[in-house]
């Protein structure tokens, strides 16, 4: 799953300025940094979900 996530996250974060400018126009080009941060923050969110699912399946949660 890590490699699939990297295949998505790296292009999105590298092409964020181009994508935001293309879709939303020049006035929103400054928000491309937010998209890059959001994509990389999803790794930690998904890791947390996978961790909790594992603990729930093993009966170690709570």
PDB file of N, CA and C in Angstrom:
ATOM      1  N   UNK A   1       0.823  -1.194   0.000  1.00  0.00           N
ATOM      2  CA  UNK A   1       0.000   0.000   0.000  1.00  0.00           C
ATOM      3  C   UNK A   1       0.863   1.253   0.000  1.00  0.00           C
ATOM      4  N   UNK A   2       2.012   1.176   0.647  1.00  0.00           N
ATOM      5  CA  UNK A   2       2.908   2.331   0.681  1.00  0.00           C
ATOM      6  C   UNK A   2       3.352   2.712  -0.727  1.00  0.00           C
ATOM      7  N   UNK A   3       3.684   1.718  -1.524  1.00  0.00           N
ATOM      8  CA  UNK A   3       4.147   2.024  -2.877  1.00  0.00           C
ATOM      9  C   UNK A   3       3.033   2.577  -3.756  1.00  0.00           C
ATOM     10  N   UNK A   4       1.824   2.077  -3.581  1.00  0.00           N
ATOM     11  CA  UNK A   4       0.697   2.633  -4.332  1.00  0.00           C
ATOM     12  C   UNK A   4       0.440   4.077  -3.923  1.00  0.00           C
ATOM     13  N   UNK A   5       0.524   4.330  -2.622  1.00  0.00           N
ATOM     14  CA  UNK A   5       0.317   5.685  -2.136  1.00  0.00           C
ATOM     15  C   UNK A   5       1.391   6.623  -2.671  1.00  0.00           C
ATOM     16  N   UNK A   6       2.637   6.159  -2.692  1.00  0.00           N
ATOM     17  CA  UNK A   6       3.717   6.996  -3.222  1.00  0.00           C
ATOM     18  C   UNK A   6       3.535   7.283  -4.713  1.00  0.00           C
ATOM     19  N   UNK A   7       3.021   6.312  -5.452  1.00  0.00           N
ATOM     20  CA  UNK A   7       2.782   6.523  -6.885  1.00  0.00           C
ATOM     21  C   UNK A   7       1.737   7.599  -7.129  1.00  0.00           C
ATOM     22  N   UNK A   8       0.873   7.821  -6.166  1.00  0.00           N
ATOM     23  CA  UNK A   8      -0.136   8.866  -6.286  1.00  0.00           C
ATOM     24  C   UNK A   8       0.357  10.179  -5.683  1.00  0.00           C
ATOM     25  N   UNK A   9       0.969  10.117  -4.511  1.00  0.00           N
ATOM     26  CA  UNK A   9       1.329  11.322  -3.768  1.00  0.00           C
ATOM     27  C   UNK A   9       2.451  12.118  -4.414  1.00  0.00           C
ATOM     28  N   UNK A  10       3.461  11.447  -4.936  1.00  0.00           N
ATOM     29  CA  UNK A  10       4.594  12.173  -5.509  1.00  0.00           C
ATOM     30  C   UNK A  10       4.178  13.002  -6.722  1.00  0.00           C
ATOM     31  N   UNK A  11       3.479  12.429  -7.709  1.00  0.00           N
ATOM     32  CA  UNK A  11       3.060  13.281  -8.833  1.00  0.00           C
ATOM     33  C   UNK A  11       2.114  14.407  -8.437  1.00  0.00           C
ATOM     34  N   UNK A  12       1.212  14.138  -7.515  1.00  0.00           N
ATOM     35  CA  UNK A  12       0.284  15.195  -7.099  1.00  0.00           C
ATOM     36  C   UNK A  12       1.038  16.334  -6.442  1.00  0.00           C
ATOM     37  N   UNK A  13       1.978  16.009  -5.560  1.00  0.00           N
ATOM     38  CA  UNK A  13       2.694  17.081  -4.873  1.00  0.00           C
ATOM     39  C   UNK A  13       3.640  17.826  -5.809  1.00  0.00           C
ATOM     40  N   UNK A  14       4.219  17.140  -6.776  1.00  0.00           N
ATOM     41  CA  UNK A  14       5.112  17.822  -7.718  1.00  0.00           C
ATOM     42  C   UNK A  14       4.357  18.658  -8.748  1.00  0.00           C
ATOM     43  N   UNK A  15       3.194  18.189  -9.131  1.00  0.00           N
ATOM     44  CA  UNK A  15       2.410  18.885 -10.156  1.00  0.00           C
ATOM     45  C   UNK A  15       1.290  19.740  -9.569  1.00  0.00           C
ATOM     46  N   UNK A  16       1.283  19.918  -8.264  1.00  0.00           N
ATOM     47  CA  UNK A  16       0.207  20.680  -7.616  1.00  0.00           C
ATOM     48  C   UNK A  16       0.057  22.092  -8.172  1.00  0.00           C
ATOM     49  N   UNK A  17       1.141  22.860  -8.332  1.00  0.00           N
ATOM     50  CA  UNK A  17       0.940  24.216  -8.872  1.00  0.00           C
ATOM     51  C   UNK A  17       0.299  24.221 -10.259  1.00  0.00           C
ATOM     52  N   UNK A  18       0.730  23.327 -11.110  1.00  0.00           N
ATOM     53  CA  UNK A  18       0.164  23.250 -12.463  1.00  0.00           C
ATOM     54  C   UNK A  18      -1.303  22.833 -12.416  1.00  0.00           C
ATOM     55  N   UNK A  19      -1.611  21.829 -11.594  1.00  0.00           N
ATOM     56  CA  UNK A  19      -2.989  21.334 -11.527  1.00  0.00           C
ATOM     57  C   UNK A  19      -3.945  22.380 -10.968  1.00  0.00           C
ATOM     58  N   UNK A  20      -3.541  23.045  -9.910  1.00  0.00           N
ATOM     59  CA  UNK A  20      -4.410  24.051  -9.303  1.00  0.00           C
ATOM     60  C   UNK A  20      -4.629  25.207 -10.259  1.00  0.00           C
ATOM     61  N   UNK A  21      -3.566  25.638 -10.915  1.00  0.00           N
ATOM     62  CA  UNK A  21      -3.694  26.748 -11.858  1.00  0.00           C
ATOM     63  C   UNK A  21      -4.563  26.357 -13.047  1.00  0.00           C
ATOM     64  N   UNK A  22      -4.437  25.137 -13.521  1.00  0.00           N
ATOM     65  CA  UNK A  22      -5.228  24.675 -14.662  1.00  0.00           C
ATOM     66  C   UNK A  22      -6.709  24.560 -14.312  1.00  0.00           C
ATOM     67  N   UNK A  23      -6.996  24.006 -13.158  1.00  0.00           N
ATOM     68  CA  UNK A  23      -8.392  23.749 -12.790  1.00  0.00           C
ATOM     69  C   UNK A  23      -9.086  25.007 -12.276  1.00  0.00           C
ATOM     70  N   UNK A  24      -8.396  25.778 -11.407  1.00  0.00           N
ATOM     71  CA  UNK A  24      -9.047  26.890 -10.723  1.00  0.00           C
ATOM     72  C   UNK A  24      -8.621  28.268 -11.212  1.00  0.00           C
ATOM     73  N   UNK A  25      -7.545  28.342 -11.969  1.00  0.00           N
ATOM     74  CA  UNK A  25      -7.108  29.624 -12.482  1.00  0.00           C
ATOM     75  C   UNK A  25      -5.971  30.230 -11.678  1.00  0.00           C
ATOM     76  N   UNK A  26      -5.489  31.350 -12.175  1.00  0.00           N
ATOM     77  CA  UNK A  26      -4.318  32.021 -11.602  1.00  0.00           C
ATOM     78  C   UNK A  26      -4.569  32.543 -10.186  1.00  0.00           C
ATOM     79  N   UNK A  27      -5.781  32.913  -9.872  1.00  0.00           N
ATOM     80  CA  UNK A  27      -6.059  33.508  -8.565  1.00  0.00           C
ATOM     81  C   UNK A  27      -5.931  32.504  -7.418  1.00  0.00           C
ATOM     82  N   UNK A  28      -5.969  31.219  -7.715  1.00  0.00           N
ATOM     83  CA  UNK A  28      -5.846  30.193  -6.680  1.00  0.00           C
ATOM     84  C   UNK A  28      -4.500  29.480  -6.722  1.00  0.00           C
ATOM     85  N   UNK A  29      -3.550  29.967  -7.478  1.00  0.00           N
ATOM     86  CA  UNK A  29      -2.268  29.289  -7.635  1.00  0.00           C
ATOM     87  C   UNK A  29      -1.494  29.214  -6.323  1.00  0.00           C
ATOM     88  N   UNK A  30      -1.719  30.157  -5.429  1.00  0.00           N
ATOM     89  CA  UNK A  30      -0.997  30.147  -4.151  1.00  0.00           C
ATOM     90  C   UNK A  30      -1.435  28.997  -3.253  1.00  0.00           C
ATOM     91  N   UNK A  31      -2.585  28.418  -3.499  1.00  0.00           N
ATOM     92  CA  UNK A  31      -3.073  27.333  -2.642  1.00  0.00           C
ATOM     93  C   UNK A  31      -2.519  25.972  -3.033  1.00  0.00           C
ATOM     94  N   UNK A  32      -1.616  25.906  -3.984  1.00  0.00           N
ATOM     95  CA  UNK A  32      -1.020  24.631  -4.383  1.00  0.00           C
ATOM     96  C   UNK A  32      -0.219  24.017  -3.238  1.00  0.00           C
ATOM     97  N   UNK A  33       0.354  24.839  -2.392  1.00  0.00           N
ATOM     98  CA  UNK A  33       1.083  24.324  -1.233  1.00  0.00           C
ATOM     99  C   UNK A  33       0.178  23.570  -0.278  1.00  0.00           C
ATOM    100  N   UNK A  34      -1.050  24.020  -0.155  1.00  0.00           N
ATOM    101  CA  UNK A  34      -2.019  23.345   0.710  1.00  0.00           C
ATOM    102  C   UNK A  34      -2.306  21.948   0.171  1.00  0.00           C
ATOM    103  N   UNK A  35      -2.446  21.827  -1.132  1.00  0.00           N
ATOM    104  CA  UNK A  35      -2.681  20.521  -1.740  1.00  0.00           C
ATOM    105  C   UNK A  35      -1.509  19.583  -1.480  1.00  0.00           C
ATOM    106  N   UNK A  36      -0.302  20.077  -1.612  1.00  0.00           N
ATOM    107  CA  UNK A  36       0.881  19.246  -1.357  1.00  0.00           C
ATOM    108  C   UNK A  36       0.935  18.775   0.090  1.00  0.00           C
ATOM    109  N   UNK A  37       0.657  19.664   1.010  1.00  0.00           N
ATOM    110  CA  UNK A  37       0.668  19.288   2.434  1.00  0.00           C
ATOM    111  C   UNK A  37      -0.443  18.285   2.727  1.00  0.00           C
ATOM    112  N   UNK A  38      -1.603  18.495   2.142  1.00  0.00           N
ATOM    113  CA  UNK A  38      -2.737  17.605   2.371  1.00  0.00           C
ATOM    114  C   UNK A  38      -2.437  16.190   1.878  1.00  0.00           C
ATOM    115  N   UNK A  39      -1.806  16.083   0.716  1.00  0.00           N
ATOM    116  CA  UNK A  39      -1.494  14.765   0.159  1.00  0.00           C
ATOM    117  C   UNK A  39      -0.540  14.015   1.081  1.00  0.00           C
ATOM    118  N   UNK A  40       0.470  14.691   1.582  1.00  0.00           N
ATOM    119  CA  UNK A  40       1.439  14.021   2.452  1.00  0.00           C
ATOM    120  C   UNK A  40       0.859  13.748   3.835  1.00  0.00           C
ATOM    121  N   UNK A  41      -0.076  14.550   4.280  1.00  0.00           N
ATOM    122  CA  UNK A  41      -0.715  14.305   5.569  1.00  0.00           C
ATOM    123  C   UNK A  41      -1.605  13.062   5.512  1.00  0.00           C
ATOM    124  N   UNK A  42      -2.089  12.718   4.347  1.00  0.00           N
ATOM    125  CA  UNK A  42      -2.930  11.536   4.209  1.00  0.00           C
ATOM    126  C   UNK A  42      -2.183  10.250   4.551  1.00  0.00           C
ATOM    127  N   UNK A  43      -0.868  10.247   4.375  1.00  0.00           N
ATOM    128  CA  UNK A  43      -0.096   9.059   4.742  1.00  0.00           C
ATOM    129  C   UNK A  43      -0.289   8.740   6.222  1.00  0.00           C
ATOM    130  N   UNK A  44      -0.159   9.755   7.061  1.00  0.00           N
ATOM    131  CA  UNK A  44      -0.281   9.525   8.493  1.00  0.00           C
ATOM    132  C   UNK A  44      -1.708   9.151   8.876  1.00  0.00           C
ATOM    133  N   UNK A  45      -2.669   9.737   8.225  1.00  0.00           N
ATOM    134  CA  UNK A  45      -4.063   9.390   8.493  1.00  0.00           C
ATOM    135  C   UNK A  45      -4.329   7.938   8.102  1.00  0.00           C
ATOM    136  N   UNK A  46      -3.893   7.523   6.935  1.00  0.00           N
ATOM    137  CA  UNK A  46      -4.111   6.156   6.484  1.00  0.00           C
ATOM    138  C   UNK A  46      -3.337   5.157   7.332  1.00  0.00           C
ATOM    139  N   UNK A  47      -2.137   5.526   7.759  1.00  0.00           N
ATOM    140  CA  UNK A  47      -1.364   4.666   8.639  1.00  0.00           C
ATOM    141  C   UNK A  47      -2.098   4.455   9.955  1.00  0.00           C
ATOM    142  N   UNK A  48      -2.696   5.507  10.490  1.00  0.00           N
ATOM    143  CA  UNK A  48      -3.434   5.421  11.742  1.00  0.00           C
ATOM    144  C   UNK A  48      -4.649   4.502  11.597  1.00  0.00           C
ATOM    145  N   UNK A  49      -5.351   4.599  10.473  1.00  0.00           N
ATOM    146  CA  UNK A  49      -6.516   3.743  10.233  1.00  0.00           C
ATOM    147  C   UNK A  49      -6.086   2.286  10.124  1.00  0.00           C
ATOM    148  N   UNK A  50      -4.997   2.025   9.403  1.00  0.00           N
ATOM    149  CA  UNK A  50      -4.504   0.655   9.264  1.00  0.00           C
ATOM    150  C   UNK A  50      -4.065   0.099  10.621  1.00  0.00           C
ATOM    151  N   UNK A  51      -3.440   0.930  11.428  1.00  0.00           N
ATOM    152  CA  UNK A  51      -2.991   0.511  12.756  1.00  0.00           C
ATOM    153  C   UNK A  51      -4.178   0.129  13.629  1.00  0.00           C
ATOM    154  N   UNK A  52      -5.199   0.968  13.644  1.00  0.00           N
ATOM    155  CA  UNK A  52      -6.379   0.680  14.458  1.00  0.00           C
ATOM    156  C   UNK A  52      -7.125  -0.552  13.963  1.00  0.00           C
ATOM    157  N   UNK A  53      -7.173  -0.751  12.668  1.00  0.00           N
ATOM    158  CA  UNK A  53      -7.825  -1.936  12.116  1.00  0.00           C
ATOM    159  C   UNK A  53      -7.086  -3.196  12.537  1.00  0.00           C
ATOM    160  N   UNK A  54      -5.768  -3.152  12.494  1.00  0.00           N
ATOM    161  CA  UNK A  54      -4.966  -4.295  12.919  1.00  0.00           C
ATOM    162  C   UNK A  54      -5.217  -4.615  14.391  1.00  0.00           C
ATOM    163  N   UNK A  55      -5.186  -3.595  15.233  1.00  0.00           N
ATOM    164  CA  UNK A  55      -5.416  -3.823  16.661  1.00  0.00           C
ATOM    165  C   UNK A  55      -6.828  -4.340  16.927  1.00  0.00           C
ATOM    166  N   UNK A  56      -7.792  -3.852  16.180  1.00  0.00           N
ATOM    167  CA  UNK A  56      -9.165  -4.324  16.356  1.00  0.00           C
ATOM    168  C   UNK A  56      -9.286  -5.806  15.966  1.00  0.00           C
ATOM    169  N   UNK A  57      -8.640  -6.199  14.881  1.00  0.00           N
ATOM    170  CA  UNK A  57      -8.684  -7.588  14.452  1.00  0.00           C
ATOM    171  C   UNK A  57      -7.965  -8.506  15.433  1.00  0.00           C
ATOM    172  N   UNK A  58      -6.936  -8.018  16.059  1.00  0.00           N
ATOM    173  CA  UNK A  58      -6.186  -8.821  17.026  1.00  0.00           C
ATOM    174  C   UNK A  58      -6.804  -8.784  18.416  1.00  0.00           C
ATOM    175  N   UNK A  59      -7.840  -7.995  18.608  1.00  0.00           N
ATOM    176  CA  UNK A  59      -8.506  -7.892  19.897  1.00  0.00           C
ATOM    177  C   UNK A  59      -7.705  -7.122  20.926  1.00  0.00           C
ATOM    178  N   UNK A  60      -6.819  -6.259  20.490  1.00  0.00           N
ATOM    179  CA  UNK A  60      -5.975  -5.487  21.392  1.00  0.00           C
ATOM    180  C   UNK A  60      -6.435  -4.037  21.544  1.00  0.00           C
ATOM    181  N   UNK A  61      -7.542  -3.721  20.957  1.00  0.00           N
ATOM    182  CA  UNK A  61      -8.032  -2.341  21.023  1.00  0.00           C
ATOM    183  C   UNK A  61      -8.918  -2.157  22.249  1.00  0.00           C
ATOM    184  N   UNK A  62      -8.547  -1.212  23.068  1.00  0.00           N
ATOM    185  CA  UNK A  62      -9.336  -0.800  24.216  1.00  0.00           C
ATOM    186  C   UNK A  62      -9.556  -1.862  25.195  1.00  0.00           C
TER     187      UNK A  62
END
